[in-house]
Amino acid sequence: MLMKAVYPAVFTPCSEGGYFVKVPDLQVMTQGENLAEAIEMSRDAIKLAILELELHNEKIPTACSVEICTENEDFISYIDIDMRGYREKYGGKSVKKNCTIPQWLDDMAKAHNINFSNVLQNALMKELGIEPKA
């Protein structure tokens, strides 16, 4: 599962101001009213494209080299992404897991109103070294 990556993006200045942005590896296009917004929108568009590919069990393309052809005032910049936080926020699809525990443990947990899903999620995050969200 992809966690961090860097993709080259082609920025094209708009005559009205701002930038159009194309990420060739993911066939993503977006825009921003200024350079900072264009970079932010690019990150979001890349992450969304990756989530969509994962949802459909499709291959996530690796970043191409910087041998992208540019024209006029176009320029290339690398966009770095970190999928973990984005996946936690927007990739909220839940899956059902079946596990077996001893009857006595089940009885005690139910008597204490323990949420089994919450306990499993917290244990998995601890095991994987993932900090829980505040």
N, C-alpha and C. Protein backbone atom coordinates (compact mmCIF):
# COMPACT_ATOMS: atom_id res chain seq x y z
N MET A 1 0.85 -1.18 0.00
CA MET A 1 0.00 0.00 0.00
C MET A 1 0.90 1.24 0.00
N LEU A 2 0.66 2.11 -0.93
CA LEU A 2 1.46 3.33 -1.07
C LEU A 2 1.20 4.26 0.11
N MET A 3 2.27 4.71 0.76
CA MET A 3 2.13 5.66 1.87
C MET A 3 2.67 7.04 1.49
N LYS A 4 3.88 7.07 0.92
CA LYS A 4 4.47 8.35 0.52
C LYS A 4 4.99 8.22 -0.91
N ALA A 5 4.89 9.32 -1.65
CA ALA A 5 5.37 9.32 -3.03
C ALA A 5 5.61 10.76 -3.46
N VAL A 6 6.27 10.90 -4.60
CA VAL A 6 6.51 12.20 -5.20
C VAL A 6 6.19 12.07 -6.69
N TYR A 7 5.36 12.98 -7.19
CA TYR A 7 4.98 12.97 -8.60
C TYR A 7 5.32 14.31 -9.24
N PRO A 8 5.87 14.29 -10.46
CA PRO A 8 6.10 15.55 -11.16
C PRO A 8 4.77 16.09 -11.70
N ALA A 9 4.67 17.41 -11.66
CA ALA A 9 3.47 18.08 -12.17
C ALA A 9 3.90 19.22 -13.09
N VAL A 10 3.12 19.43 -14.14
CA VAL A 10 3.38 20.52 -15.08
C VAL A 10 2.45 21.68 -14.72
N PHE A 11 3.05 22.83 -14.43
CA PHE A 11 2.30 24.03 -14.09
C PHE A 11 2.28 24.97 -15.28
N THR A 12 1.09 25.40 -15.65
CA THR A 12 0.92 26.33 -16.77
C THR A 12 0.29 27.61 -16.24
N PRO A 13 1.00 28.74 -16.32
CA PRO A 13 0.41 30.00 -15.87
C PRO A 13 -0.81 30.36 -16.72
N CYS A 14 -1.85 30.86 -16.08
CA CYS A 14 -3.06 31.29 -16.78
C CYS A 14 -2.96 32.79 -17.06
N SER A 15 -3.53 33.21 -18.17
CA SER A 15 -3.47 34.63 -18.52
C SER A 15 -4.23 35.49 -17.51
N GLU A 16 -5.25 34.92 -16.86
CA GLU A 16 -6.05 35.65 -15.86
C GLU A 16 -5.42 35.57 -14.47
N GLY A 17 -4.31 34.87 -14.36
CA GLY A 17 -3.68 34.65 -13.06
C GLY A 17 -3.89 33.21 -12.63
N GLY A 18 -3.10 32.76 -11.73
CA GLY A 18 -3.21 31.39 -11.26
C GLY A 18 -2.52 30.41 -12.18
N TYR A 19 -2.77 29.12 -11.93
CA TYR A 19 -2.08 28.06 -12.67
C TYR A 19 -3.00 26.88 -12.95
N PHE A 20 -2.86 26.31 -14.13
CA PHE A 20 -3.42 25.00 -14.43
C PHE A 20 -2.32 24.00 -14.10
N VAL A 21 -2.71 22.83 -13.59
CA VAL A 21 -1.71 21.83 -13.22
C VAL A 21 -2.13 20.48 -13.80
N LYS A 22 -1.15 19.79 -14.38
CA LYS A 22 -1.38 18.45 -14.92
C LYS A 22 -0.36 17.51 -14.30
N VAL A 23 -0.85 16.35 -13.80
CA VAL A 23 0.02 15.30 -13.27
C VAL A 23 -0.09 14.14 -14.24
N PRO A 24 0.85 14.04 -15.19
CA PRO A 24 0.73 13.05 -16.27
C PRO A 24 0.62 11.60 -15.81
N ASP A 25 1.35 11.23 -14.76
CA ASP A 25 1.34 9.83 -14.32
C ASP A 25 -0.03 9.33 -13.89
N LEU A 26 -0.84 10.24 -13.37
CA LEU A 26 -2.16 9.86 -12.85
C LEU A 26 -3.30 10.44 -13.67
N GLN A 27 -2.96 11.11 -14.76
CA GLN A 27 -3.95 11.75 -15.62
C GLN A 27 -4.86 12.66 -14.80
N VAL A 28 -4.23 13.44 -13.93
CA VAL A 28 -4.93 14.36 -13.04
C VAL A 28 -4.72 15.79 -13.53
N MET A 29 -5.79 16.58 -13.49
CA MET A 29 -5.69 18.00 -13.82
C MET A 29 -6.42 18.78 -12.74
N THR A 30 -5.86 19.92 -12.37
CA THR A 30 -6.48 20.78 -11.38
C THR A 30 -5.99 22.20 -11.63
N GLN A 31 -6.33 23.14 -10.75
CA GLN A 31 -5.87 24.50 -10.90
C GLN A 31 -5.91 25.21 -9.56
N GLY A 32 -5.25 26.35 -9.50
CA GLY A 32 -5.25 27.18 -8.30
C GLY A 32 -5.12 28.64 -8.68
N GLU A 33 -5.63 29.50 -7.80
CA GLU A 33 -5.60 30.93 -8.08
C GLU A 33 -4.21 31.53 -7.90
N ASN A 34 -3.33 30.80 -7.21
CA ASN A 34 -1.94 31.22 -7.06
C ASN A 34 -1.10 29.95 -6.95
N LEU A 35 0.21 30.10 -6.89
CA LEU A 35 1.08 28.93 -6.89
C LEU A 35 0.86 28.04 -5.66
N ALA A 36 0.73 28.65 -4.49
CA ALA A 36 0.52 27.86 -3.27
C ALA A 36 -0.77 27.04 -3.35
N GLU A 37 -1.84 27.68 -3.83
CA GLU A 37 -3.11 26.96 -3.95
C GLU A 37 -3.03 25.88 -5.02
N ALA A 38 -2.32 26.14 -6.09
CA ALA A 38 -2.17 25.14 -7.16
C ALA A 38 -1.43 23.91 -6.64
N ILE A 39 -0.40 24.12 -5.83
CA ILE A 39 0.33 22.99 -5.25
C ILE A 39 -0.58 22.22 -4.29
N GLU A 40 -1.30 22.95 -3.45
CA GLU A 40 -2.23 22.30 -2.51
C GLU A 40 -3.30 21.49 -3.24
N MET A 41 -3.87 22.07 -4.28
CA MET A 41 -4.91 21.38 -5.05
C MET A 41 -4.32 20.15 -5.75
N SER A 42 -3.06 20.25 -6.18
CA SER A 42 -2.39 19.12 -6.83
C SER A 42 -2.24 17.97 -5.85
N ARG A 43 -1.79 18.27 -4.64
CA ARG A 43 -1.65 17.22 -3.62
C ARG A 43 -2.98 16.52 -3.39
N ASP A 44 -4.02 17.30 -3.23
CA ASP A 44 -5.34 16.73 -2.98
C ASP A 44 -5.81 15.88 -4.15
N ALA A 45 -5.61 16.35 -5.36
CA ALA A 45 -6.04 15.61 -6.56
C ALA A 45 -5.26 14.30 -6.71
N ILE A 46 -3.96 14.34 -6.42
CA ILE A 46 -3.15 13.13 -6.50
C ILE A 46 -3.62 12.10 -5.49
N LYS A 47 -3.83 12.54 -4.26
CA LYS A 47 -4.28 11.62 -3.20
C LYS A 47 -5.64 11.02 -3.53
N LEU A 48 -6.55 11.84 -4.04
CA LEU A 48 -7.87 11.34 -4.42
C LEU A 48 -7.76 10.31 -5.54
N ALA A 49 -6.91 10.57 -6.52
CA ALA A 49 -6.72 9.62 -7.62
C ALA A 49 -6.18 8.30 -7.11
N ILE A 50 -5.23 8.35 -6.17
CA ILE A 50 -4.67 7.13 -5.60
C ILE A 50 -5.72 6.36 -4.82
N LEU A 51 -6.53 7.05 -4.02
CA LEU A 51 -7.62 6.37 -3.29
C LEU A 51 -8.58 5.68 -4.25
N GLU A 52 -8.90 6.33 -5.35
CA GLU A 52 -9.79 5.73 -6.35
C GLU A 52 -9.17 4.47 -6.96
N LEU A 53 -7.89 4.54 -7.28
CA LEU A 53 -7.21 3.37 -7.84
C LEU A 53 -7.22 2.22 -6.83
N GLU A 54 -6.94 2.53 -5.57
CA GLU A 54 -6.96 1.50 -4.53
C GLU A 54 -8.35 0.90 -4.37
N LEU A 55 -9.36 1.73 -4.41
CA LEU A 55 -10.74 1.27 -4.26
C LEU A 55 -11.10 0.25 -5.34
N HIS A 56 -10.57 0.45 -6.55
CA HIS A 56 -10.87 -0.44 -7.67
C HIS A 56 -9.77 -1.49 -7.89
N ASN A 57 -8.88 -1.62 -6.90
CA ASN A 57 -7.77 -2.59 -6.96
C ASN A 57 -6.96 -2.45 -8.25
N GLU A 58 -6.74 -1.21 -8.66
CA GLU A 58 -5.94 -0.94 -9.85
C GLU A 58 -4.51 -0.59 -9.44
N LYS A 59 -3.58 -0.79 -10.37
CA LYS A 59 -2.17 -0.50 -10.12
C LYS A 59 -1.95 1.01 -9.99
N ILE A 60 -1.18 1.39 -9.00
CA ILE A 60 -0.84 2.80 -8.81
C ILE A 60 0.45 3.07 -9.58
N PRO A 61 0.41 3.98 -10.55
CA PRO A 61 1.61 4.24 -11.35
C PRO A 61 2.73 4.85 -10.51
N THR A 62 3.95 4.47 -10.84
CA THR A 62 5.09 5.12 -10.22
C THR A 62 5.36 6.42 -10.95
N ALA A 63 6.06 7.31 -10.29
CA ALA A 63 6.34 8.61 -10.89
C ALA A 63 7.30 8.46 -12.06
N CYS A 64 7.02 9.20 -13.13
CA CYS A 64 7.90 9.17 -14.30
C CYS A 64 9.09 10.09 -14.06
N SER A 65 10.01 10.07 -14.97
CA SER A 65 11.17 10.95 -14.86
C SER A 65 10.74 12.37 -15.23
N VAL A 66 11.64 13.30 -15.06
CA VAL A 66 11.31 14.70 -15.37
C VAL A 66 11.44 15.01 -16.85
N GLU A 67 11.47 14.00 -17.69
CA GLU A 67 11.58 14.21 -19.12
C GLU A 67 10.23 14.55 -19.75
N ILE A 68 9.46 15.32 -19.04
CA ILE A 68 8.16 15.77 -19.51
C ILE A 68 8.39 17.01 -20.37
N CYS A 69 7.76 17.05 -21.52
CA CYS A 69 7.91 18.20 -22.41
C CYS A 69 7.06 19.35 -21.87
N THR A 70 7.65 20.52 -21.81
CA THR A 70 6.91 21.70 -21.40
C THR A 70 6.98 22.72 -22.53
N GLU A 71 6.05 23.65 -22.51
CA GLU A 71 5.99 24.68 -23.55
C GLU A 71 5.92 26.05 -22.89
N ASN A 72 6.31 27.06 -23.64
CA ASN A 72 6.19 28.47 -23.23
C ASN A 72 6.66 28.69 -21.79
N GLU A 73 5.76 29.14 -20.94
CA GLU A 73 6.10 29.46 -19.55
C GLU A 73 5.83 28.31 -18.59
N ASP A 74 5.51 27.14 -19.11
CA ASP A 74 5.26 25.98 -18.25
C ASP A 74 6.51 25.64 -17.46
N PHE A 75 6.31 25.06 -16.29
CA PHE A 75 7.44 24.56 -15.52
C PHE A 75 7.01 23.31 -14.77
N ILE A 76 7.99 22.53 -14.37
CA ILE A 76 7.73 21.28 -13.66
C ILE A 76 8.11 21.45 -12.19
N SER A 77 7.28 20.92 -11.33
CA SER A 77 7.59 20.89 -9.91
C SER A 77 7.18 19.53 -9.38
N TYR A 78 7.89 19.06 -8.38
CA TYR A 78 7.52 17.79 -7.75
C TYR A 78 6.51 18.03 -6.64
N ILE A 79 5.52 17.17 -6.58
CA ILE A 79 4.50 17.24 -5.54
C ILE A 79 4.66 16.01 -4.65
N ASP A 80 4.94 16.26 -3.38
CA ASP A 80 5.07 15.13 -2.45
C ASP A 80 3.73 14.88 -1.76
N ILE A 81 3.46 13.62 -1.51
CA ILE A 81 2.20 13.25 -0.84
C ILE A 81 2.48 12.27 0.29
N ASP A 82 1.64 12.32 1.30
CA ASP A 82 1.64 11.37 2.40
C ASP A 82 0.21 10.87 2.51
N MET A 83 0.00 9.62 2.16
CA MET A 83 -1.35 9.06 2.07
C MET A 83 -1.97 8.73 3.42
N ARG A 84 -1.16 8.52 4.45
CA ARG A 84 -1.72 8.02 5.71
C ARG A 84 -2.83 8.91 6.27
N GLY A 85 -2.54 10.17 6.48
CA GLY A 85 -3.54 11.08 7.02
C GLY A 85 -4.74 11.23 6.10
N TYR A 86 -4.48 11.29 4.81
CA TYR A 86 -5.56 11.44 3.83
C TYR A 86 -6.44 10.19 3.82
N ARG A 87 -5.79 9.03 3.87
CA ARG A 87 -6.52 7.77 3.86
C ARG A 87 -7.39 7.65 5.12
N GLU A 88 -6.85 8.07 6.25
CA GLU A 88 -7.61 8.03 7.50
C GLU A 88 -8.82 8.96 7.43
N LYS A 89 -8.64 10.12 6.81
CA LYS A 89 -9.71 11.11 6.76
C LYS A 89 -10.78 10.79 5.71
N TYR A 90 -10.33 10.35 4.51
CA TYR A 90 -11.27 10.19 3.40
C TYR A 90 -11.47 8.75 2.93
N GLY A 91 -10.60 7.87 3.32
CA GLY A 91 -10.72 6.47 2.89
C GLY A 91 -11.40 5.65 3.96
N GLY A 92 -12.51 6.14 4.48
CA GLY A 92 -13.16 5.57 5.65
C GLY A 92 -13.97 4.31 5.41
N LYS A 93 -13.76 3.64 4.33
CA LYS A 93 -14.49 2.39 4.09
C LYS A 93 -14.13 1.38 5.19
N SER A 94 -15.12 0.85 5.85
CA SER A 94 -14.87 -0.14 6.89
C SER A 94 -15.02 -1.54 6.32
N VAL A 95 -14.25 -2.46 6.86
CA VAL A 95 -14.35 -3.85 6.47
C VAL A 95 -14.64 -4.69 7.70
N LYS A 96 -15.38 -5.74 7.51
CA LYS A 96 -15.73 -6.61 8.62
C LYS A 96 -14.67 -7.69 8.76
N LYS A 97 -14.22 -7.91 9.98
CA LYS A 97 -13.24 -8.95 10.28
C LYS A 97 -13.84 -9.90 11.30
N ASN A 98 -13.57 -11.16 11.11
CA ASN A 98 -14.06 -12.18 12.03
C ASN A 98 -12.88 -12.68 12.86
N CYS A 99 -13.04 -12.70 14.17
CA CYS A 99 -11.98 -13.23 15.03
C CYS A 99 -12.61 -14.10 16.12
N THR A 100 -11.80 -14.92 16.69
CA THR A 100 -12.27 -15.86 17.71
C THR A 100 -11.58 -15.54 19.03
N ILE A 101 -12.38 -15.46 20.10
CA ILE A 101 -11.85 -15.27 21.45
C ILE A 101 -12.53 -16.26 22.37
N PRO A 102 -11.95 -16.55 23.53
CA PRO A 102 -12.58 -17.48 24.46
C PRO A 102 -13.91 -16.94 24.98
N GLN A 103 -14.84 -17.82 25.23
CA GLN A 103 -16.18 -17.44 25.70
C GLN A 103 -16.11 -16.59 26.96
N TRP A 104 -15.27 -16.98 27.93
CA TRP A 104 -15.20 -16.23 29.19
C TRP A 104 -14.76 -14.78 28.96
N LEU A 105 -13.85 -14.58 27.97
CA LEU A 105 -13.38 -13.23 27.66
C LEU A 105 -14.48 -12.42 26.99
N ASP A 106 -15.23 -13.06 26.13
CA ASP A 106 -16.38 -12.41 25.48
C ASP A 106 -17.41 -11.98 26.53
N ASP A 107 -17.69 -12.88 27.48
CA ASP A 107 -18.67 -12.58 28.53
C ASP A 107 -18.23 -11.38 29.37
N MET A 108 -16.94 -11.37 29.75
CA MET A 108 -16.44 -10.27 30.57
C MET A 108 -16.46 -8.94 29.80
N ALA A 109 -16.07 -8.98 28.54
CA ALA A 109 -16.05 -7.76 27.74
C ALA A 109 -17.46 -7.20 27.57
N LYS A 110 -18.42 -8.08 27.31
CA LYS A 110 -19.82 -7.64 27.17
C LYS A 110 -20.33 -7.06 28.48
N ALA A 111 -19.97 -7.68 29.60
CA ALA A 111 -20.41 -7.19 30.91
C ALA A 111 -19.86 -5.79 31.18
N HIS A 112 -18.74 -5.45 30.60
CA HIS A 112 -18.13 -4.14 30.78
C HIS A 112 -18.41 -3.19 29.61
N ASN A 113 -19.35 -3.58 28.75
CA ASN A 113 -19.75 -2.75 27.59
C ASN A 113 -18.56 -2.32 26.73
N ILE A 114 -17.66 -3.24 26.46
CA ILE A 114 -16.48 -2.94 25.65
C ILE A 114 -16.85 -3.04 24.17
N ASN A 115 -16.41 -2.02 23.42
CA ASN A 115 -16.64 -1.98 21.98
C ASN A 115 -15.51 -2.77 21.31
N PHE A 116 -15.83 -3.95 20.80
CA PHE A 116 -14.83 -4.85 20.22
C PHE A 116 -14.10 -4.20 19.04
N SER A 117 -14.83 -3.53 18.17
CA SER A 117 -14.21 -2.89 17.00
C SER A 117 -13.21 -1.83 17.41
N ASN A 118 -13.58 -1.03 18.42
CA ASN A 118 -12.69 0.02 18.89
C ASN A 118 -11.42 -0.56 19.50
N VAL A 119 -11.56 -1.62 20.30
CA VAL A 119 -10.40 -2.26 20.92
C VAL A 119 -9.47 -2.82 19.84
N LEU A 120 -10.03 -3.48 18.83
CA LEU A 120 -9.22 -4.05 17.76
C LEU A 120 -8.50 -2.95 16.97
N GLN A 121 -9.21 -1.88 16.63
CA GLN A 121 -8.59 -0.77 15.91
C GLN A 121 -7.44 -0.16 16.71
N ASN A 122 -7.66 0.08 18.00
CA ASN A 122 -6.61 0.66 18.84
C ASN A 122 -5.41 -0.27 18.95
N ALA A 123 -5.67 -1.56 19.10
CA ALA A 123 -4.58 -2.54 19.20
C ALA A 123 -3.78 -2.61 17.90
N LEU A 124 -4.47 -2.58 16.76
CA LEU A 124 -3.78 -2.61 15.47
C LEU A 124 -2.94 -1.36 15.26
N MET A 125 -3.48 -0.19 15.62
CA MET A 125 -2.71 1.05 15.48
C MET A 125 -1.46 1.01 16.37
N LYS A 126 -1.62 0.51 17.59
CA LYS A 126 -0.47 0.40 18.49
C LYS A 126 0.57 -0.55 17.91
N GLU A 127 0.14 -1.68 17.41
CA GLU A 127 1.04 -2.68 16.84
C GLU A 127 1.78 -2.15 15.63
N LEU A 128 1.11 -1.30 14.84
CA LEU A 128 1.70 -0.72 13.62
C LEU A 128 2.44 0.59 13.87
N GLY A 129 2.41 1.05 15.12
CA GLY A 129 3.11 2.29 15.46
C GLY A 129 2.43 3.52 14.91
N ILE A 130 1.10 3.48 14.79
CA ILE A 130 0.33 4.61 14.28
C ILE A 130 -0.24 5.37 15.47
N GLU A 131 0.01 6.67 15.49
CA GLU A 131 -0.53 7.50 16.57
C GLU A 131 -2.03 7.70 16.35
N PRO A 132 -2.84 7.47 17.39
CA PRO A 132 -4.28 7.72 17.24
C PRO A 132 -4.57 9.20 17.05
N LYS A 133 -5.64 9.48 16.32
CA LYS A 133 -6.03 10.87 16.10
C LYS A 133 -6.58 11.45 17.41
N ALA A 134 -6.31 12.72 17.63
CA ALA A 134 -6.79 13.40 18.86
C ALA A 134 -8.26 13.66 18.78
